Amino acid sequence: MSSYKKRKQFCRYWLVMASGIIITFIVLIVSIDWYIGNQFNQSIYSDINQIPSKKIALVLGTSKYINQSGRKYYNAYYVYRLQAAAKLYQAKKVDGILVSGDNSTQFYDEPSEMTQDLIDLGVPSQYITQDYAGFRTLDSIVRAKEVFGLENYTIVSQKFHCQRALYIAQSKGQNPIAFSASDIQSIAGLRVRLREVFARFKAFLDCKILKTNPKFLGTPETINHRG
């Protein structure tokens, strides 16, 4: 066999191998996305009259503002989450709220912003607790139990995010439910949903393969609530 034919066979072999790996990877990602998107819907509520009452709502953080074309706008995901949390409190579906977000620098403080905006929405400040080390969803969920003692509580975010949060919670031995905030039906919403596909794959790796721990735990803290 000529050297040319050997090189050709070698290239064909590795092309087939690479194609197989890529196809397997895509199937795995799509399968995980489908599983997380369908396994936990029975635990997600959108009707305030149907959701069971819990002591505490955990509001998952996100940036209050987004920058587009050099201008700053309110992040609708943020606004809708806080509105949903206030709605739960006012309907007496929860007695206290834990806001969990990123406070990695002195110039960026999601929990404090969420707290002030919840107060503006009518939630008493004494019933809002801050988790300043909710750097990502996994951190917020794990810390909810390990730091704040929660297991049976209500997660507040958009539905697609609630699905991933519930997956992480179940993987960590928790049993929360979720209340879905309004979503965004736009090109921006589609981009976020596409990123969510890879975020779910990362959650699978963190929970099942890598056994990733939060960046920071710390000492136990108490949550104030009415009643």
C-alpha atoms as a PDB file:
ATOM      1  CA  MET A   1       0.000   0.000   0.000  1.00  0.00           C
ATOM      2  CA  SER A   2       1.377   3.367  -0.976  1.00  0.00           C
ATOM      3  CA  SER A   3       2.160   5.986   1.634  1.00  0.00           C
ATOM      4  CA  TYR A   4      -0.515   8.197   0.074  1.00  0.00           C
ATOM      5  CA  LYS A   5      -3.211   5.570   0.652  1.00  0.00           C
ATOM      6  CA  LYS A   6      -1.999   4.995   4.208  1.00  0.00           C
ATOM      7  CA  ARG A   7      -2.228   8.712   4.979  1.00  0.00           C
ATOM      8  CA  LYS A   8      -5.679   8.824   3.403  1.00  0.00           C
ATOM      9  CA  GLN A   9      -6.906   5.905   5.519  1.00  0.00           C
ATOM     10  CA  PHE A  10      -5.356   7.445   8.609  1.00  0.00           C
ATOM     11  CA  CYS A  11      -7.115  10.766   7.976  1.00  0.00           C
ATOM     12  CA  ARG A  12     -10.405   9.013   7.265  1.00  0.00           C
ATOM     13  CA  TYR A  13     -10.111   7.023  10.511  1.00  0.00           C
ATOM     14  CA  TRP A  14      -9.556  10.096  12.626  1.00  0.00           C
ATOM     15  CA  LEU A  15     -12.289  12.005  10.818  1.00  0.00           C
ATOM     16  CA  VAL A  16     -14.742   9.236  11.643  1.00  0.00           C
ATOM     17  CA  MET A  17     -13.544   9.166  15.262  1.00  0.00           C
ATOM     18  CA  ALA A  18     -13.814  12.948  15.636  1.00  0.00           C
ATOM     19  CA  SER A  19     -17.263  12.957  14.054  1.00  0.00           C
ATOM     20  CA  GLY A  20     -18.404  10.226  16.426  1.00  0.00           C
ATOM     21  CA  ILE A  21     -17.126  12.114  19.449  1.00  0.00           C
ATOM     22  CA  ILE A  22     -18.808  15.345  18.346  1.00  0.00           C
ATOM     23  CA  ILE A  23     -22.120  13.600  17.660  1.00  0.00           C
ATOM     24  CA  THR A  24     -21.982  11.803  21.028  1.00  0.00           C
ATOM     25  CA  PHE A  25     -21.249  15.100  22.786  1.00  0.00           C
ATOM     26  CA  ILE A  26     -24.175  16.842  21.072  1.00  0.00           C
ATOM     27  CA  VAL A  27     -26.549  13.963  21.890  1.00  0.00           C
ATOM     28  CA  LEU A  28     -25.414  14.050  25.525  1.00  0.00           C
ATOM     29  CA  ILE A  29     -25.945  17.801  25.841  1.00  0.00           C
ATOM     30  CA  VAL A  30     -29.382  17.661  24.204  1.00  0.00           C
ATOM     31  CA  SER A  31     -30.402  14.677  26.358  1.00  0.00           C
ATOM     32  CA  ILE A  32     -29.393  16.416  29.582  1.00  0.00           C
ATOM     33  CA  ASP A  33     -31.208  19.567  28.523  1.00  0.00           C
ATOM     34  CA  TRP A  34     -34.349  17.554  27.747  1.00  0.00           C
ATOM     35  CA  TYR A  35     -34.177  15.639  31.030  1.00  0.00           C
ATOM     36  CA  ILE A  36     -33.762  18.717  33.216  1.00  0.00           C
ATOM     37  CA  GLY A  37     -36.413  20.551  31.199  1.00  0.00           C
ATOM     38  CA  ASN A  38     -39.025  17.845  31.717  1.00  0.00           C
ATOM     39  CA  GLN A  39     -38.238  16.030  34.955  1.00  0.00           C
ATOM     40  CA  PHE A  40     -39.129  18.777  37.431  1.00  0.00           C
ATOM     41  CA  ASN A  41     -42.120  20.586  35.938  1.00  0.00           C
ATOM     42  CA  GLN A  42     -44.486  19.081  38.493  1.00  0.00           C
ATOM     43  CA  SER A  43     -42.591  21.016  41.173  1.00  0.00           C
ATOM     44  CA  ILE A  44     -42.819  24.382  39.363  1.00  0.00           C
ATOM     45  CA  TYR A  45     -45.857  26.612  39.897  1.00  0.00           C
ATOM     46  CA  SER A  46     -46.964  29.720  38.053  1.00  0.00           C
ATOM     47  CA  ASP A  47     -50.349  30.222  39.736  1.00  0.00           C
ATOM     48  CA  ILE A  48     -50.088  31.988  43.093  1.00  0.00           C
ATOM     49  CA  ASN A  49     -53.317  30.302  44.196  1.00  0.00           C
ATOM     50  CA  GLN A  50     -52.001  26.803  43.507  1.00  0.00           C
ATOM     51  CA  ILE A  51     -48.517  26.919  44.991  1.00  0.00           C
ATOM     52  CA  PRO A  52     -48.169  25.375  48.471  1.00  0.00           C
ATOM     53  CA  SER A  53     -47.053  27.618  51.315  1.00  0.00           C
ATOM     54  CA  LYS A  54     -43.464  27.401  52.521  1.00  0.00           C
ATOM     55  CA  LYS A  55     -41.582  29.311  55.188  1.00  0.00           C
ATOM     56  CA  ILE A  56     -38.884  30.756  52.948  1.00  0.00           C
ATOM     57  CA  ALA A  57     -38.468  31.784  49.307  1.00  0.00           C
ATOM     58  CA  LEU A  58     -34.989  31.687  47.790  1.00  0.00           C
ATOM     59  CA  VAL A  59     -34.599  34.318  45.063  1.00  0.00           C
ATOM     60  CA  LEU A  60     -31.760  33.483  42.700  1.00  0.00           C
ATOM     61  CA  GLY A  61     -29.705  36.506  41.766  1.00  0.00           C
ATOM     62  CA  THR A  62     -28.885  38.101  38.461  1.00  0.00           C
ATOM     63  CA  SER A  63     -27.624  41.487  37.352  1.00  0.00           C
ATOM     64  CA  LYS A  64     -30.030  44.376  37.870  1.00  0.00           C
ATOM     65  CA  TYR A  65     -28.860  46.106  34.689  1.00  0.00           C
ATOM     66  CA  ILE A  66     -27.735  45.106  31.233  1.00  0.00           C
ATOM     67  CA  ASN A  67     -25.644  47.151  28.840  1.00  0.00           C
ATOM     68  CA  GLN A  68     -26.677  47.437  25.214  1.00  0.00           C
ATOM     69  CA  SER A  69     -25.021  49.700  22.666  1.00  0.00           C
ATOM     70  CA  GLY A  70     -23.335  51.653  25.434  1.00  0.00           C
ATOM     71  CA  ARG A  71     -26.584  52.269  27.336  1.00  0.00           C
ATOM     72  CA  LYS A  72     -27.740  50.758  30.619  1.00  0.00           C
ATOM     73  CA  TYR A  73     -31.185  49.141  30.884  1.00  0.00           C
ATOM     74  CA  TYR A  74     -33.067  47.329  33.602  1.00  0.00           C
ATOM     75  CA  ASN A  75     -32.713  43.554  33.326  1.00  0.00           C
ATOM     76  CA  ALA A  76     -36.249  42.189  32.931  1.00  0.00           C
ATOM     77  CA  TYR A  77     -35.210  38.834  34.414  1.00  0.00           C
ATOM     78  CA  TYR A  78     -34.192  40.632  37.609  1.00  0.00           C
ATOM     79  CA  VAL A  79     -37.353  42.757  37.746  1.00  0.00           C
ATOM     80  CA  TYR A  80     -39.696  39.803  37.199  1.00  0.00           C
ATOM     81  CA  ARG A  81     -37.980  37.669  39.844  1.00  0.00           C
ATOM     82  CA  LEU A  82     -38.363  40.317  42.523  1.00  0.00           C
ATOM     83  CA  GLN A  83     -41.968  40.940  41.556  1.00  0.00           C
ATOM     84  CA  ALA A  84     -42.655  37.208  41.861  1.00  0.00           C
ATOM     85  CA  ALA A  85     -40.983  37.031  45.283  1.00  0.00           C
ATOM     86  CA  ALA A  86     -42.954  40.021  46.571  1.00  0.00           C
ATOM     87  CA  LYS A  87     -46.123  38.432  45.231  1.00  0.00           C
ATOM     88  CA  LEU A  88     -45.422  35.252  47.208  1.00  0.00           C
ATOM     89  CA  TYR A  89     -44.868  37.234  50.393  1.00  0.00           C
ATOM     90  CA  GLN A  90     -47.947  39.410  49.962  1.00  0.00           C
ATOM     91  CA  ALA A  91     -50.113  36.352  49.254  1.00  0.00           C
ATOM     92  CA  LYS A  92     -48.761  34.776  52.480  1.00  0.00           C
ATOM     93  CA  LYS A  93     -47.264  31.890  50.539  1.00  0.00           C
ATOM     94  CA  VAL A  94     -43.907  32.520  52.246  1.00  0.00           C
ATOM     95  CA  ASP A  95     -42.977  34.197  55.530  1.00  0.00           C
ATOM     96  CA  GLY A  96     -39.465  35.262  54.673  1.00  0.00           C
ATOM     97  CA  ILE A  97     -37.188  35.763  51.681  1.00  0.00           C
ATOM     98  CA  LEU A  98     -33.546  34.794  51.162  1.00  0.00           C
ATOM     99  CA  VAL A  99     -31.885  36.744  48.345  1.00  0.00           C
ATOM    100  CA  SER A 100     -28.798  35.014  46.994  1.00  0.00           C
ATOM    101  CA  GLY A 101     -26.412  36.620  44.561  1.00  0.00           C
ATOM    102  CA  ASP A 102     -22.943  37.740  43.630  1.00  0.00           C
ATOM    103  CA  ASN A 103     -21.071  40.157  45.881  1.00  0.00           C
ATOM    104  CA  SER A 104     -17.589  39.383  44.613  1.00  0.00           C
ATOM    105  CA  THR A 105     -16.389  43.012  44.687  1.00  0.00           C
ATOM    106  CA  GLN A 106     -17.294  46.187  46.540  1.00  0.00           C
ATOM    107  CA  PHE A 107     -18.663  47.576  43.294  1.00  0.00           C
ATOM    108  CA  TYR A 108     -21.054  44.705  42.544  1.00  0.00           C
ATOM    109  CA  ASP A 109     -23.633  43.671  45.131  1.00  0.00           C
ATOM    110  CA  GLU A 110     -26.686  41.777  43.888  1.00  0.00           C
ATOM    111  CA  PRO A 111     -28.110  40.848  47.337  1.00  0.00           C
ATOM    112  CA  SER A 112     -28.174  44.429  48.586  1.00  0.00           C
ATOM    113  CA  GLU A 113     -29.854  45.650  45.407  1.00  0.00           C
ATOM    114  CA  MET A 114     -32.440  42.883  45.614  1.00  0.00           C
ATOM    115  CA  THR A 115     -33.101  43.677  49.247  1.00  0.00           C
ATOM    116  CA  GLN A 116     -33.746  47.353  48.577  1.00  0.00           C
ATOM    117  CA  ASP A 117     -35.996  46.625  45.615  1.00  0.00           C
ATOM    118  CA  LEU A 118     -38.011  44.088  47.617  1.00  0.00           C
ATOM    119  CA  ILE A 119     -38.472  46.703  50.332  1.00  0.00           C
ATOM    120  CA  ASP A 120     -39.708  49.090  47.653  1.00  0.00           C
ATOM    121  CA  LEU A 121     -42.182  46.390  46.622  1.00  0.00           C
ATOM    122  CA  GLY A 122     -43.586  46.204  50.140  1.00  0.00           C
ATOM    123  CA  VAL A 123     -41.611  43.386  51.784  1.00  0.00           C
ATOM    124  CA  PRO A 124     -40.488  44.365  55.322  1.00  0.00           C
ATOM    125  CA  SER A 125     -36.712  44.564  55.627  1.00  0.00           C
ATOM    126  CA  GLN A 126     -36.647  42.376  58.757  1.00  0.00           C
ATOM    127  CA  TYR A 127     -37.969  39.435  56.758  1.00  0.00           C
ATOM    128  CA  ILE A 128     -35.311  39.632  54.033  1.00  0.00           C
ATOM    129  CA  THR A 129     -32.014  37.776  54.521  1.00  0.00           C
ATOM    130  CA  GLN A 130     -28.962  38.205  52.308  1.00  0.00           C
ATOM    131  CA  ASP A 131     -26.700  35.476  50.971  1.00  0.00           C
ATOM    132  CA  TYR A 132     -23.667  37.360  49.687  1.00  0.00           C
ATOM    133  CA  ALA A 133     -21.873  34.264  48.362  1.00  0.00           C
ATOM    134  CA  GLY A 134     -24.403  33.072  45.784  1.00  0.00           C
ATOM    135  CA  PHE A 135     -21.849  33.359  43.007  1.00  0.00           C
ATOM    136  CA  ARG A 136     -23.757  30.898  40.836  1.00  0.00           C
ATOM    137  CA  THR A 137     -26.826  28.703  41.060  1.00  0.00           C
ATOM    138  CA  LEU A 138     -25.008  25.733  42.579  1.00  0.00           C
ATOM    139  CA  ASP A 139     -23.568  27.924  45.325  1.00  0.00           C
ATOM    140  CA  SER A 140     -26.982  29.416  46.118  1.00  0.00           C
ATOM    141  CA  ILE A 141     -28.689  26.022  46.322  1.00  0.00           C
ATOM    142  CA  VAL A 142     -26.018  24.305  48.401  1.00  0.00           C
ATOM    143  CA  ARG A 143     -25.683  27.262  50.758  1.00  0.00           C
ATOM    144  CA  ALA A 144     -29.468  27.379  51.208  1.00  0.00           C
ATOM    145  CA  LYS A 145     -29.179  24.098  53.089  1.00  0.00           C
ATOM    146  CA  GLU A 146     -25.650  24.070  54.477  1.00  0.00           C
ATOM    147  CA  VAL A 147     -25.543  27.680  55.680  1.00  0.00           C
ATOM    148  CA  PHE A 148     -29.193  28.696  56.101  1.00  0.00           C
ATOM    149  CA  GLY A 149     -30.684  25.329  57.059  1.00  0.00           C
ATOM    150  CA  LEU A 150     -33.265  25.125  54.254  1.00  0.00           C
ATOM    151  CA  GLU A 151     -34.464  21.940  52.584  1.00  0.00           C
ATOM    152  CA  ASN A 152     -38.173  22.423  51.959  1.00  0.00           C
ATOM    153  CA  TYR A 153     -38.494  25.902  50.481  1.00  0.00           C
ATOM    154  CA  THR A 154     -39.549  27.805  47.333  1.00  0.00           C
ATOM    155  CA  ILE A 155     -37.099  28.757  44.593  1.00  0.00           C
ATOM    156  CA  VAL A 156     -37.935  31.908  42.614  1.00  0.00           C
ATOM    157  CA  SER A 157     -36.647  32.473  39.088  1.00  0.00           C
ATOM    158  CA  GLN A 158     -37.711  32.018  35.472  1.00  0.00           C
ATOM    159  CA  LYS A 159     -38.994  28.527  34.644  1.00  0.00           C
ATOM    160  CA  PHE A 160     -35.937  27.414  32.666  1.00  0.00           C
ATOM    161  CA  HIS A 161     -33.711  28.481  35.558  1.00  0.00           C
ATOM    162  CA  CYS A 162     -35.993  26.867  38.140  1.00  0.00           C
ATOM    163  CA  GLN A 163     -35.654  23.556  36.295  1.00  0.00           C
ATOM    164  CA  ARG A 164     -31.872  23.623  36.632  1.00  0.00           C
ATOM    165  CA  ALA A 165     -32.027  24.811  40.241  1.00  0.00           C
ATOM    166  CA  LEU A 166     -34.394  21.956  41.138  1.00  0.00           C
ATOM    167  CA  TYR A 167     -32.067  19.478  39.447  1.00  0.00           C
ATOM    168  CA  ILE A 168     -29.162  20.725  41.552  1.00  0.00           C
ATOM    169  CA  ALA A 169     -31.301  20.708  44.698  1.00  0.00           C
ATOM    170  CA  GLN A 170     -32.429  17.125  44.135  1.00  0.00           C
ATOM    171  CA  SER A 171     -28.839  16.065  43.479  1.00  0.00           C
ATOM    172  CA  LYS A 172     -27.927  17.590  46.849  1.00  0.00           C
ATOM    173  CA  GLY A 173     -30.717  15.803  48.740  1.00  0.00           C
ATOM    174  CA  GLN A 174     -33.085  18.757  48.994  1.00  0.00           C
ATOM    175  CA  ASN A 175     -36.808  18.904  48.267  1.00  0.00           C
ATOM    176  CA  PRO A 176     -37.819  22.446  47.287  1.00  0.00           C
ATOM    177  CA  ILE A 177     -40.534  23.609  44.927  1.00  0.00           C
ATOM    178  CA  ALA A 178     -40.352  26.606  42.588  1.00  0.00           C
ATOM    179  CA  PHE A 179     -42.404  29.627  41.584  1.00  0.00           C
ATOM    180  CA  SER A 180     -41.752  30.764  38.030  1.00  0.00           C
ATOM    181  CA  ALA A 181     -41.337  34.458  37.349  1.00  0.00           C
ATOM    182  CA  SER A 182     -42.376  35.900  34.005  1.00  0.00           C
ATOM    183  CA  ASP A 183     -40.049  35.014  31.143  1.00  0.00           C
ATOM    184  CA  ILE A 184     -38.844  37.089  28.193  1.00  0.00           C
ATOM    185  CA  GLN A 185     -40.142  36.260  24.727  1.00  0.00           C
ATOM    186  CA  SER A 186     -37.607  37.920  22.458  1.00  0.00           C
ATOM    187  CA  ILE A 187     -34.304  37.403  20.692  1.00  0.00           C
ATOM    188  CA  ALA A 188     -32.561  38.196  23.974  1.00  0.00           C
ATOM    189  CA  GLY A 189     -34.642  35.527  25.669  1.00  0.00           C
ATOM    190  CA  LEU A 190     -33.661  33.021  22.995  1.00  0.00           C
ATOM    191  CA  ARG A 191     -29.969  33.751  23.537  1.00  0.00           C
ATOM    192  CA  VAL A 192     -30.365  33.191  27.270  1.00  0.00           C
ATOM    193  CA  ARG A 193     -32.190  29.920  26.632  1.00  0.00           C
ATOM    194  CA  LEU A 194     -29.396  28.717  24.356  1.00  0.00           C
ATOM    195  CA  ARG A 195     -26.828  29.485  27.054  1.00  0.00           C
ATOM    196  CA  GLU A 196     -28.996  27.531  29.455  1.00  0.00           C
ATOM    197  CA  VAL A 197     -28.383  24.361  27.437  1.00  0.00           C
ATOM    198  CA  PHE A 198     -24.689  24.525  28.288  1.00  0.00           C
ATOM    199  CA  ALA A 199     -25.394  25.660  31.860  1.00  0.00           C
ATOM    200  CA  ARG A 200     -27.413  22.478  32.353  1.00  0.00           C
ATOM    201  CA  PHE A 201     -24.585  20.359  31.018  1.00  0.00           C
ATOM    202  CA  LYS A 202     -22.222  22.107  33.445  1.00  0.00           C
ATOM    203  CA  ALA A 203     -24.691  21.430  36.276  1.00  0.00           C
ATOM    204  CA  PHE A 204     -24.673  17.746  35.340  1.00  0.00           C
ATOM    205  CA  LEU A 205     -20.873  17.669  35.420  1.00  0.00           C
ATOM    206  CA  ASP A 206     -20.764  19.543  38.733  1.00  0.00           C
ATOM    207  CA  CYS A 207     -23.327  17.328  40.453  1.00  0.00           C
ATOM    208  CA  LYS A 208     -22.632  13.892  38.985  1.00  0.00           C
ATOM    209  CA  ILE A 209     -19.013  13.867  37.838  1.00  0.00           C
ATOM    210  CA  LEU A 210     -16.913  16.604  39.418  1.00  0.00           C
ATOM    211  CA  LYS A 211     -18.808  16.820  42.746  1.00  0.00           C
ATOM    212  CA  THR A 212     -18.161  20.565  42.742  1.00  0.00           C
ATOM    213  CA  ASN A 213     -18.471  22.457  46.020  1.00  0.00           C
ATOM    214  CA  PRO A 214     -19.483  26.100  46.473  1.00  0.00           C
ATOM    215  CA  LYS A 215     -16.749  28.675  46.328  1.00  0.00           C
ATOM    216  CA  PHE A 216     -17.461  29.601  49.952  1.00  0.00           C
ATOM    217  CA  LEU A 217     -19.603  28.140  52.733  1.00  0.00           C
ATOM    218  CA  GLY A 218     -18.860  29.702  56.104  1.00  0.00           C
ATOM    219  CA  THR A 219     -20.730  29.426  59.377  1.00  0.00           C
ATOM    220  CA  PRO A 220     -24.482  28.730  59.733  1.00  0.00           C
ATOM    221  CA  GLU A 221     -26.813  31.738  59.632  1.00  0.00           C
ATOM    222  CA  THR A 222     -30.435  32.217  60.636  1.00  0.00           C
ATOM    223  CA  ILE A 223     -33.289  33.531  58.501  1.00  0.00           C
ATOM    224  CA  ASN A 224     -35.865  35.860  59.974  1.00  0.00           C
ATOM    225  CA  HIS A 225     -39.490  35.358  59.051  1.00  0.00           C
ATOM    226  CA  ARG A 226     -42.888  36.427  60.282  1.00  0.00           C
ATOM    227  CA  GLY A 227     -44.966  34.184  62.451  1.00  0.00           C
END
